[in-house]
Amino acid sequence: MKTETDKNKFAKTPPMGWNSYDYYDTAVTEAQVKANADIMARELKEYGWEYIVVDIEWYANDAGTMRDKFQYIPFGDLEMDEYSRLQPSPRRFPSSAGGKGFKPLADYIHNLGLKFGIHIMRGIPRRAAETHSKVIGTDMTADMIADPSSICGWNPDMYGVRDTSAGQAYYDSIIQMYADWGVDFIKCDDICDSWLYRNDGFSGWHETQMLHRAILKTGRPIVLSLSPGPAHIDRAWQYCENANMWRITDDFWDTWELLKNMFWRCELWQDHVRKGCFPDCDMIPLGKIGGGFGNGERNCGLTYDEQMTMMSLWCMFRSPLMLGAELTKLDDRTRALITNRELLELLGDGRHGTQLFRDDEKAVWKNENKEAQGLHIALFNLSDSEKMIEWELGGDFELYDIWSRQKGATVGDKIAADVPPHGVKHYKIIVENSHLIDYN
């Protein structure tokens, strides 16, 4: 079992980075990944953004070519080596040709001072089972390791892996290959939740443990992220024992209905946020998104007030932050949202977020570092009209609004603000004495 000390060495705070999915869907290329990495290194790294993650189907030569019919082409043209291990498509990632895998791209990312990540699907390729391909470290073939009764309901590429020593050998072989490439982050899909399997027989539970054991064997500090959600609250212990982050929602997109629902999900998971263990609110669909989904590029569908609400909630809760925007097309307002130092300090070590109140119209969150006496209070308006929200704080204090960068208003010992519909007033508390109300 990975100990808290093990995890804290490389995931002390929520990971921050960029993921290709929200803009490129299944079809991102090496040149596009490099272009986004260049922007992160030049403009965002100093604020803590560091992971560049290539999302789903990097092994598919034909990804995106039938987007009007399939997101994931059934039995498509996939790259695989003789040992049942999927390889980057050389058509899309030219530097991978000749068996180099992702090492050249990882080296490029590392030379920028960033970290490199990939998406994988739970399991072993169906094509490997069909062709009885070999598996390093065992005399059994892929068909003997694969569990055809364990599949993904939305992606046709993989079978589950049996909970056997040969199955573990398969996972050991792919994770060691990723470590040799220089992978720092793995997002594993179809493993955190499954709408096909609603009982303890879901093989994702033991496959999570197999992945974790394989990562430990490499000796490389690889962050393990589990998708999709919603994660099972009764399995919080297992997620935290074996992974660094896990999705608490299905795919999150840019609608108010999904954003409002996240207040309930964050409330449910707030006590499970700790060093090395981060419930994940999913990617941040800001800026330009949707370019690879067949309908053309579009702007984030949330209003700017809703975007501030999203960023404040994610950071108050201390979710990992993964940008979905096309970074080469960042506008100034989006850049301001993701480079606000007062906001991003909430992800720091020693901080903790707590929901103090929620009903259908408003929510109040705090985030604090007791040792440093660093307190933030956020007033969220969940209603469709402007609303005056007050919250008693106690003591002598001043308010600094981290979004408007102005002083906030107080009424006696209360915070008081007119909050726009779906908006937030997010305050850093400047304390004049230490007699603030303890909400614990």
Protein backbone atom coordinates (compact mmCIF):
# COMPACT_ATOMS: atom_id res chain seq x y z
CA MET A 1 0.00 0.00 0.00
CA LYS A 2 1.25 3.46 -0.86
CA THR A 3 1.77 5.35 2.40
CA GLU A 4 0.86 8.97 3.01
CA THR A 5 4.61 9.70 2.95
CA ASP A 6 4.95 8.10 -0.48
CA LYS A 7 2.11 10.16 -1.90
CA ASN A 8 3.22 13.41 -0.33
CA LYS A 9 6.51 13.27 -2.17
CA PHE A 10 4.86 13.98 -5.50
CA ALA A 11 1.22 14.93 -4.83
CA LYS A 12 1.36 17.07 -1.72
CA THR A 13 -1.06 19.54 -3.29
CA PRO A 14 -3.74 19.16 -5.99
CA PRO A 15 -2.15 18.63 -9.42
CA MET A 16 -2.52 21.51 -11.89
CA GLY A 17 -2.19 21.18 -15.63
CA TRP A 18 -3.70 20.95 -19.11
CA ASN A 19 -5.54 18.05 -20.73
CA SER A 20 -6.18 17.74 -24.46
CA TYR A 21 -9.73 16.32 -24.31
CA ASP A 22 -12.01 19.37 -24.02
CA TYR A 23 -10.62 20.92 -27.18
CA TYR A 24 -9.23 18.05 -29.28
CA ASP A 25 -11.46 15.12 -28.28
CA THR A 26 -9.68 11.93 -29.50
CA ALA A 27 -7.55 13.48 -32.23
CA VAL A 28 -4.78 15.62 -30.68
CA THR A 29 -1.41 15.57 -32.43
CA GLU A 30 2.17 15.91 -31.24
CA ALA A 31 2.49 19.40 -32.73
CA GLN A 32 -0.65 20.55 -30.91
CA VAL A 33 0.53 19.13 -27.60
CA LYS A 34 3.86 20.90 -27.97
CA ALA A 35 2.17 24.19 -28.86
CA ASN A 36 0.06 24.07 -25.70
CA ALA A 37 3.07 23.05 -23.61
CA ASP A 38 5.03 26.01 -24.91
CA ILE A 39 2.30 28.39 -23.74
CA MET A 40 2.10 26.74 -20.32
CA ALA A 41 5.85 26.98 -19.85
CA ARG A 42 5.97 30.60 -20.95
CA GLU A 43 2.81 32.01 -19.34
CA LEU A 44 1.43 29.66 -16.68
CA LYS A 45 4.21 27.62 -15.08
CA GLU A 46 5.07 30.36 -12.59
CA TYR A 47 1.53 30.08 -11.19
CA GLY A 48 1.82 26.35 -10.50
CA TRP A 49 0.50 24.88 -13.75
CA GLU A 50 2.81 21.99 -14.70
CA TYR A 51 1.17 18.86 -16.17
CA ILE A 52 0.62 18.35 -19.90
CA VAL A 53 -1.73 15.38 -20.39
CA VAL A 54 -2.47 13.64 -23.70
CA ASP A 55 -5.99 12.28 -23.40
CA ILE A 56 -7.83 9.35 -24.92
CA GLU A 57 -6.99 7.32 -28.07
CA TRP A 58 -3.40 8.48 -28.62
CA TYR A 59 -2.81 4.95 -29.97
CA ALA A 60 -5.49 5.24 -32.69
CA ASN A 61 -4.30 6.04 -36.20
CA ASP A 62 -7.87 6.73 -37.34
CA ALA A 63 -9.12 8.68 -34.31
CA GLY A 64 -11.57 11.41 -35.25
CA THR A 65 -11.96 10.30 -38.87
CA MET A 66 -15.56 9.12 -38.39
CA ARG A 67 -16.64 11.65 -35.78
CA ASP A 68 -20.09 12.02 -37.33
CA LYS A 69 -20.72 8.33 -36.57
CA PHE A 70 -18.41 7.28 -33.74
CA GLN A 71 -16.41 8.96 -31.03
CA TYR A 72 -14.48 5.69 -30.63
CA ILE A 73 -14.32 3.69 -33.85
CA PRO A 74 -15.16 0.02 -33.19
CA PHE A 75 -12.14 -2.20 -33.82
CA GLY A 76 -10.25 0.70 -35.33
CA ASP A 77 -6.66 1.02 -36.53
CA LEU A 78 -4.68 0.85 -33.28
CA GLU A 79 -0.92 0.73 -32.71
CA MET A 80 0.25 -2.14 -30.50
CA ASP A 81 3.60 -3.85 -29.88
CA GLU A 82 4.20 -7.62 -29.77
CA TYR A 83 3.64 -7.65 -25.99
CA SER A 84 0.01 -6.43 -26.02
CA ARG A 85 0.98 -2.84 -25.18
CA LEU A 86 -0.64 0.06 -27.03
CA GLN A 87 1.77 2.52 -28.64
CA PRO A 88 1.41 6.14 -29.79
CA SER A 89 0.14 6.56 -33.33
CA PRO A 90 3.17 7.55 -35.44
CA ARG A 91 0.82 9.38 -37.82
CA ARG A 92 -0.16 11.75 -35.04
CA PHE A 93 3.01 11.53 -32.91
CA PRO A 94 5.86 11.25 -35.44
CA SER A 95 8.61 11.21 -32.81
CA SER A 96 7.24 7.88 -31.50
CA ALA A 97 8.20 6.02 -34.69
CA GLY A 98 10.67 3.18 -34.45
CA GLY A 99 9.49 2.00 -31.06
CA LYS A 100 10.45 5.19 -29.21
CA GLY A 101 6.97 5.57 -27.70
CA PHE A 102 6.27 8.82 -25.90
CA LYS A 103 9.83 9.30 -24.66
CA PRO A 104 10.77 12.01 -27.18
CA LEU A 105 7.61 13.99 -26.42
CA ALA A 106 8.07 13.52 -22.67
CA ASP A 107 11.66 14.75 -23.01
CA TYR A 108 10.40 17.85 -24.82
CA ILE A 109 7.88 18.55 -22.05
CA HIS A 110 10.47 17.95 -19.32
CA ASN A 111 12.93 20.30 -21.01
CA LEU A 112 10.31 23.03 -20.63
CA GLY A 113 10.30 22.42 -16.88
CA LEU A 114 6.89 20.72 -17.06
CA LYS A 115 5.57 17.20 -16.41
CA PHE A 116 4.07 14.76 -18.89
CA GLY A 117 0.90 12.68 -18.58
CA ILE A 118 -1.20 10.26 -20.62
CA HIS A 119 -4.72 8.83 -20.58
CA ILE A 120 -5.23 5.07 -20.59
CA MET A 121 -8.25 2.79 -20.64
CA ARG A 122 -8.63 0.15 -17.96
CA GLY A 123 -7.73 -3.31 -19.25
CA ILE A 124 -5.91 -5.08 -22.08
CA PRO A 125 -6.56 -4.48 -25.81
CA ARG A 126 -9.24 -6.71 -27.32
CA ARG A 127 -7.02 -7.06 -30.37
CA ALA A 128 -4.28 -8.50 -28.17
CA ALA A 129 -6.72 -11.12 -26.89
CA GLU A 130 -7.92 -11.91 -30.40
CA THR A 131 -4.36 -12.43 -31.68
CA HIS A 132 -3.14 -14.27 -28.56
CA SER A 133 -0.36 -11.73 -28.12
CA LYS A 134 2.42 -12.25 -25.60
CA VAL A 135 2.72 -10.55 -22.20
CA ILE A 136 6.12 -9.77 -20.68
CA GLY A 137 6.80 -11.58 -17.43
CA THR A 138 4.47 -14.54 -17.98
CA ASP A 139 4.06 -17.52 -20.28
CA MET A 140 0.36 -16.74 -20.64
CA THR A 141 -1.06 -14.83 -23.60
CA ALA A 142 -3.43 -11.87 -23.64
CA ASP A 143 -6.53 -14.01 -24.23
CA MET A 144 -5.82 -15.91 -20.99
CA ILE A 145 -5.43 -12.68 -19.00
CA ALA A 146 -8.38 -10.83 -20.50
CA ASP A 147 -11.83 -10.96 -18.90
CA PRO A 148 -14.36 -10.65 -21.76
CA SER A 149 -17.19 -10.25 -19.25
CA SER A 150 -15.64 -6.98 -18.08
CA ILE A 151 -15.94 -4.26 -20.71
CA CYS A 152 -16.42 -0.52 -21.02
CA GLY A 153 -19.90 0.58 -21.96
CA TRP A 154 -18.75 3.47 -24.16
CA ASN A 155 -15.31 2.54 -25.53
CA PRO A 156 -14.73 -0.68 -27.52
CA ASP A 157 -10.95 -0.96 -27.23
CA MET A 158 -10.38 -3.07 -24.12
CA TYR A 159 -11.29 -6.11 -22.04
CA GLY A 160 -10.86 -6.10 -18.29
CA VAL A 161 -7.90 -7.88 -16.71
CA ARG A 162 -8.28 -10.88 -14.42
CA ASP A 163 -7.05 -10.61 -10.84
CA THR A 164 -4.17 -13.06 -11.27
CA SER A 165 -0.38 -12.98 -11.16
CA ALA A 166 -0.36 -12.95 -14.98
CA GLY A 167 -2.81 -10.04 -14.96
CA GLN A 168 -0.51 -8.18 -12.59
CA ALA A 169 2.41 -8.94 -14.92
CA TYR A 170 0.54 -7.21 -17.75
CA TYR A 171 -0.04 -4.08 -15.68
CA ASP A 172 3.57 -4.17 -14.47
CA SER A 173 4.72 -4.28 -18.10
CA ILE A 174 2.71 -1.29 -19.31
CA ILE A 175 3.43 0.89 -16.28
CA GLN A 176 7.16 0.15 -16.51
CA MET A 177 7.03 1.12 -20.18
CA TYR A 178 5.33 4.40 -19.27
CA ALA A 179 7.93 5.04 -16.57
CA ASP A 180 10.70 4.39 -19.11
CA TRP A 181 9.05 6.91 -21.42
CA GLY A 182 9.10 9.50 -18.62
CA VAL A 183 5.39 9.61 -17.79
CA ASP A 184 4.60 11.57 -14.63
CA PHE A 185 0.79 11.33 -14.63
CA ILE A 186 -1.66 8.59 -15.63
CA LYS A 187 -5.37 9.21 -16.05
CA CYS A 188 -7.05 5.80 -16.12
CA ASP A 189 -10.59 5.65 -17.50
CA ASP A 190 -13.51 3.26 -16.96
CA ILE A 191 -12.18 2.47 -13.49
CA CYS A 192 -13.60 4.94 -10.96
CA ASP A 193 -17.22 4.10 -11.76
CA SER A 194 -19.12 1.97 -14.27
CA TRP A 195 -22.75 2.25 -15.29
CA LEU A 196 -22.58 -1.35 -16.56
CA TYR A 197 -21.54 -2.93 -13.26
CA ARG A 198 -23.28 -1.79 -10.09
CA ASN A 199 -22.01 -4.35 -7.61
CA ASP A 200 -18.81 -5.52 -5.99
CA GLY A 201 -18.03 -7.66 -9.05
CA PHE A 202 -16.75 -4.67 -11.04
CA SER A 203 -13.17 -5.54 -12.00
CA GLY A 204 -12.20 -1.87 -11.83
CA TRP A 205 -11.81 -2.28 -8.09
CA HIS A 206 -9.03 -4.86 -8.31
CA GLU A 207 -7.56 -3.26 -11.43
CA THR A 208 -7.08 -0.03 -9.47
CA GLN A 209 -5.02 -1.98 -6.95
CA MET A 210 -3.04 -3.64 -9.74
CA LEU A 211 -2.20 -0.26 -11.25
CA HIS A 212 -1.14 1.06 -7.88
CA ARG A 213 1.15 -1.91 -7.22
CA ALA A 214 2.68 -1.56 -10.69
CA ILE A 215 3.43 2.14 -10.12
CA LEU A 216 5.15 1.39 -6.83
CA LYS A 217 7.36 -1.20 -8.51
CA THR A 218 8.73 1.36 -10.96
CA GLY A 219 10.01 3.65 -8.23
CA ARG A 220 8.87 6.61 -10.35
CA PRO A 221 6.58 9.26 -8.81
CA ILE A 222 3.58 8.83 -11.11
CA VAL A 223 0.32 10.51 -10.15
CA LEU A 224 -2.66 8.17 -10.66
CA SER A 225 -5.98 9.78 -11.60
CA LEU A 226 -9.19 7.71 -11.83
CA SER A 227 -12.10 8.42 -14.19
CA PRO A 228 -14.96 8.74 -14.84
CA GLY A 229 -17.22 9.55 -11.91
CA PRO A 230 -19.29 9.78 -10.00
CA ALA A 231 -16.96 8.14 -7.50
CA HIS A 232 -18.56 5.95 -4.83
CA ILE A 233 -18.41 7.64 -1.42
CA ASP A 234 -18.36 4.25 0.29
CA ARG A 235 -15.14 3.48 -1.62
CA ALA A 236 -13.33 6.64 -0.54
CA TRP A 237 -10.87 4.53 1.45
CA GLN A 238 -9.94 2.49 -1.63
CA TYR A 239 -9.47 5.52 -3.87
CA CYS A 240 -7.21 7.16 -1.29
CA GLU A 241 -5.18 4.00 -0.67
CA ASN A 242 -4.48 3.43 -4.36
CA ALA A 243 -4.76 6.72 -6.26
CA ASN A 244 -4.01 10.41 -5.95
CA MET A 245 -7.19 11.80 -7.51
CA TRP A 246 -10.59 10.43 -8.52
CA ARG A 247 -13.52 11.94 -10.33
CA ILE A 248 -16.57 12.81 -8.24
CA THR A 249 -18.68 13.55 -11.30
CA ASP A 250 -19.25 12.25 -14.81
CA ASP A 251 -17.82 14.48 -17.55
CA PHE A 252 -18.22 18.11 -16.45
CA TRP A 253 -19.14 20.59 -19.15
CA ASP A 254 -19.96 24.27 -19.31
CA THR A 255 -23.60 24.46 -18.18
CA TRP A 256 -25.01 26.05 -15.04
CA GLU A 257 -27.01 22.93 -14.17
CA LEU A 258 -23.84 20.84 -13.94
CA LEU A 259 -21.99 23.56 -12.04
CA LYS A 260 -24.76 24.00 -9.47
CA ASN A 261 -24.80 20.23 -8.90
CA MET A 262 -21.10 20.36 -8.00
CA PHE A 263 -21.92 22.13 -4.72
CA TRP A 264 -23.67 18.98 -3.55
CA ARG A 265 -20.81 16.78 -4.75
CA CYS A 266 -18.16 18.91 -3.04
CA GLU A 267 -20.16 18.86 0.18
CA LEU A 268 -20.27 15.06 0.01
CA TRP A 269 -16.50 14.71 -0.51
CA GLN A 270 -15.05 17.66 1.46
CA ASP A 271 -13.80 15.52 4.36
CA HIS A 272 -11.79 13.26 2.05
CA VAL A 273 -9.43 15.95 0.73
CA ARG A 274 -5.92 15.44 2.12
CA LYS A 275 -2.27 15.27 1.09
CA GLY A 276 -1.88 12.90 -1.79
CA CYS A 277 -5.65 12.25 -2.01
CA PHE A 278 -7.82 14.64 -3.99
CA PRO A 279 -11.46 14.16 -5.03
CA ASP A 280 -11.56 15.61 -8.54
CA CYS A 281 -14.24 18.00 -9.85
CA ASP A 282 -13.07 17.26 -13.43
CA MET A 283 -11.57 19.48 -16.07
CA ILE A 284 -12.17 23.21 -16.35
CA PRO A 285 -13.94 23.97 -19.66
CA LEU A 286 -12.73 27.56 -19.99
CA GLY A 287 -11.75 29.54 -23.06
CA LYS A 288 -11.90 27.93 -26.50
CA ILE A 289 -13.13 24.33 -26.38
CA GLY A 290 -14.81 21.73 -28.58
CA GLY A 291 -12.57 22.06 -31.61
CA GLY A 292 -12.26 18.32 -32.21
CA PHE A 293 -15.83 17.23 -31.52
CA GLY A 294 -17.18 17.66 -35.03
CA ASN A 295 -19.18 20.84 -34.41
CA GLY A 296 -16.37 23.37 -34.51
CA GLU A 297 -14.60 25.44 -31.90
CA ARG A 298 -16.72 27.36 -29.40
CA ASN A 299 -16.32 29.59 -26.39
CA CYS A 300 -17.04 28.39 -22.87
CA GLY A 301 -20.81 28.43 -22.38
CA LEU A 302 -20.69 29.70 -18.80
CA THR A 303 -21.15 33.39 -18.10
CA TYR A 304 -18.12 35.14 -16.65
CA ASP A 305 -19.81 35.21 -13.22
CA GLU A 306 -20.34 31.45 -13.52
CA GLN A 307 -16.71 30.96 -14.52
CA MET A 308 -15.59 32.82 -11.38
CA THR A 309 -17.99 30.65 -9.35
CA MET A 310 -16.46 27.52 -10.85
CA MET A 311 -12.89 28.59 -10.15
CA SER A 312 -13.71 29.68 -6.60
CA LEU A 313 -15.53 26.43 -5.80
CA TRP A 314 -12.81 24.20 -7.30
CA CYS A 315 -10.14 26.05 -5.31
CA MET A 316 -12.08 26.40 -2.04
CA PHE A 317 -12.71 22.64 -2.18
CA ARG A 318 -9.08 22.03 -3.31
CA SER A 319 -9.87 20.00 -6.41
CA PRO A 320 -7.12 19.25 -8.91
CA LEU A 321 -7.17 21.83 -11.71
CA MET A 322 -6.95 20.58 -15.30
CA LEU A 323 -7.48 23.16 -18.02
CA GLY A 324 -9.45 22.13 -21.09
CA ALA A 325 -8.87 25.35 -23.05
CA GLU A 326 -6.82 25.61 -26.22
CA LEU A 327 -3.94 27.49 -24.59
CA THR A 328 -2.69 29.03 -27.84
CA LYS A 329 -5.98 30.97 -27.99
CA LEU A 330 -6.23 32.16 -24.38
CA ASP A 331 -8.03 35.47 -24.03
CA ASP A 332 -7.15 37.99 -21.34
CA ARG A 333 -10.24 37.31 -19.19
CA THR A 334 -9.59 33.56 -19.14
CA ARG A 335 -5.93 34.14 -18.39
CA ALA A 336 -6.93 36.33 -15.44
CA LEU A 337 -9.13 33.53 -14.06
CA ILE A 338 -6.31 30.99 -14.03
CA THR A 339 -3.46 33.22 -12.85
CA ASN A 340 -5.08 34.77 -9.77
CA ARG A 341 -2.46 34.18 -7.09
CA GLU A 342 -4.84 34.81 -4.16
CA LEU A 343 -7.14 32.12 -5.55
CA LEU A 344 -4.45 29.56 -6.32
CA GLU A 345 -2.94 29.89 -2.84
CA LEU A 346 -5.95 27.88 -1.62
CA LEU A 347 -4.41 24.75 -3.16
CA GLY A 348 -1.34 25.08 -0.93
CA ASP A 349 -0.20 22.55 1.62
CA GLY A 350 -1.89 22.84 5.01
CA ARG A 351 -5.12 24.35 3.72
CA HIS A 352 -8.60 22.87 4.03
CA GLY A 353 -11.96 23.80 2.52
CA THR A 354 -15.35 23.40 4.22
CA GLN A 355 -18.89 24.21 3.17
CA LEU A 356 -20.51 26.21 5.96
CA PHE A 357 -24.01 26.48 4.53
CA ARG A 358 -26.01 25.50 1.47
CA ASP A 359 -29.60 25.65 0.34
CA ASP A 360 -31.12 25.92 -3.12
CA GLU A 361 -30.32 29.62 -3.40
CA LYS A 362 -26.94 30.16 -1.78
CA ALA A 363 -23.84 28.48 -0.39
CA VAL A 364 -21.00 29.65 1.84
CA TRP A 365 -17.53 28.09 1.84
CA LYS A 366 -14.40 28.74 3.85
CA ASN A 367 -10.83 27.72 3.15
CA GLU A 368 -8.19 28.20 5.79
CA ASN A 369 -4.69 27.48 6.88
CA LYS A 370 -4.90 27.58 10.67
CA GLU A 371 -1.16 27.70 11.20
CA ALA A 372 -0.80 30.72 8.94
CA GLN A 373 -4.21 32.16 9.90
CA GLY A 374 -5.04 32.44 6.22
CA LEU A 375 -8.83 32.52 5.84
CA HIS A 376 -10.96 32.86 2.70
CA ILE A 377 -14.76 33.10 2.68
CA ALA A 378 -16.81 32.72 -0.51
CA LEU A 379 -20.48 33.67 -0.81
CA PHE A 380 -22.13 31.87 -3.74
CA ASN A 381 -25.46 32.90 -5.24
CA LEU A 382 -27.10 29.76 -6.66
CA SER A 383 -30.30 31.57 -7.63
CA ASP A 384 -31.30 33.20 -10.92
CA SER A 385 -31.50 36.76 -9.54
CA GLU A 386 -29.21 39.07 -7.61
CA LYS A 387 -29.23 38.32 -3.91
CA MET A 388 -27.93 39.98 -0.76
CA ILE A 389 -25.93 37.37 1.16
CA GLU A 390 -24.67 37.92 4.69
CA TRP A 391 -22.46 35.78 6.86
CA GLU A 392 -21.41 36.36 10.46
CA LEU A 393 -17.68 36.24 10.94
CA GLY A 394 -17.02 37.89 14.31
CA GLY A 395 -14.04 39.93 15.44
CA ASP A 396 -12.33 42.80 13.66
CA PHE A 397 -11.44 42.22 10.07
CA GLU A 398 -11.17 43.70 6.61
CA LEU A 399 -12.21 42.05 3.37
CA TYR A 400 -10.26 41.84 0.14
CA ASP A 401 -12.31 40.69 -2.88
CA ILE A 402 -9.92 38.49 -4.85
CA TRP A 403 -11.85 38.91 -8.12
CA SER A 404 -12.54 42.67 -8.12
CA ARG A 405 -9.33 43.36 -6.16
CA GLN A 406 -11.23 45.81 -3.97
CA LYS A 407 -12.17 45.99 -0.31
CA GLY A 408 -15.43 44.28 0.61
CA ALA A 409 -18.29 45.61 2.74
CA THR A 410 -19.06 44.61 6.33
CA VAL A 411 -22.15 45.13 8.47
CA GLY A 412 -20.97 45.01 12.04
CA ASP A 413 -19.30 41.65 12.38
CA LYS A 414 -20.92 40.29 9.21
CA ILE A 415 -19.80 39.99 5.64
CA ALA A 416 -22.52 41.44 3.42
CA ALA A 417 -22.61 41.51 -0.37
CA ASP A 418 -24.98 41.83 -3.30
CA VAL A 419 -24.03 38.78 -5.33
CA PRO A 420 -25.03 38.52 -9.00
CA PRO A 421 -27.06 35.52 -10.20
CA HIS A 422 -24.89 32.37 -10.36
CA GLY A 423 -22.03 34.50 -9.10
CA VAL A 424 -19.64 34.68 -6.18
CA LYS A 425 -18.11 37.17 -3.80
CA HIS A 426 -14.81 35.66 -2.75
CA TYR A 427 -12.97 37.35 0.10
CA LYS A 428 -9.57 37.01 1.62
CA ILE A 429 -9.97 37.94 5.28
CA ILE A 430 -7.50 40.43 6.69
CA VAL A 431 -7.64 39.90 10.45
CA GLU A 432 -7.19 42.72 12.94
CA ASN A 433 -7.55 40.43 15.95
CA SER A 434 -7.74 36.69 16.36
CA HIS A 435 -11.29 36.42 17.75
CA LEU A 436 -12.95 35.18 14.59
CA ILE A 437 -15.73 32.61 14.90
CA ASP A 438 -14.45 29.04 14.80
CA TYR A 439 -16.80 27.09 12.51
CA ASN A 440 -15.28 23.74 13.37
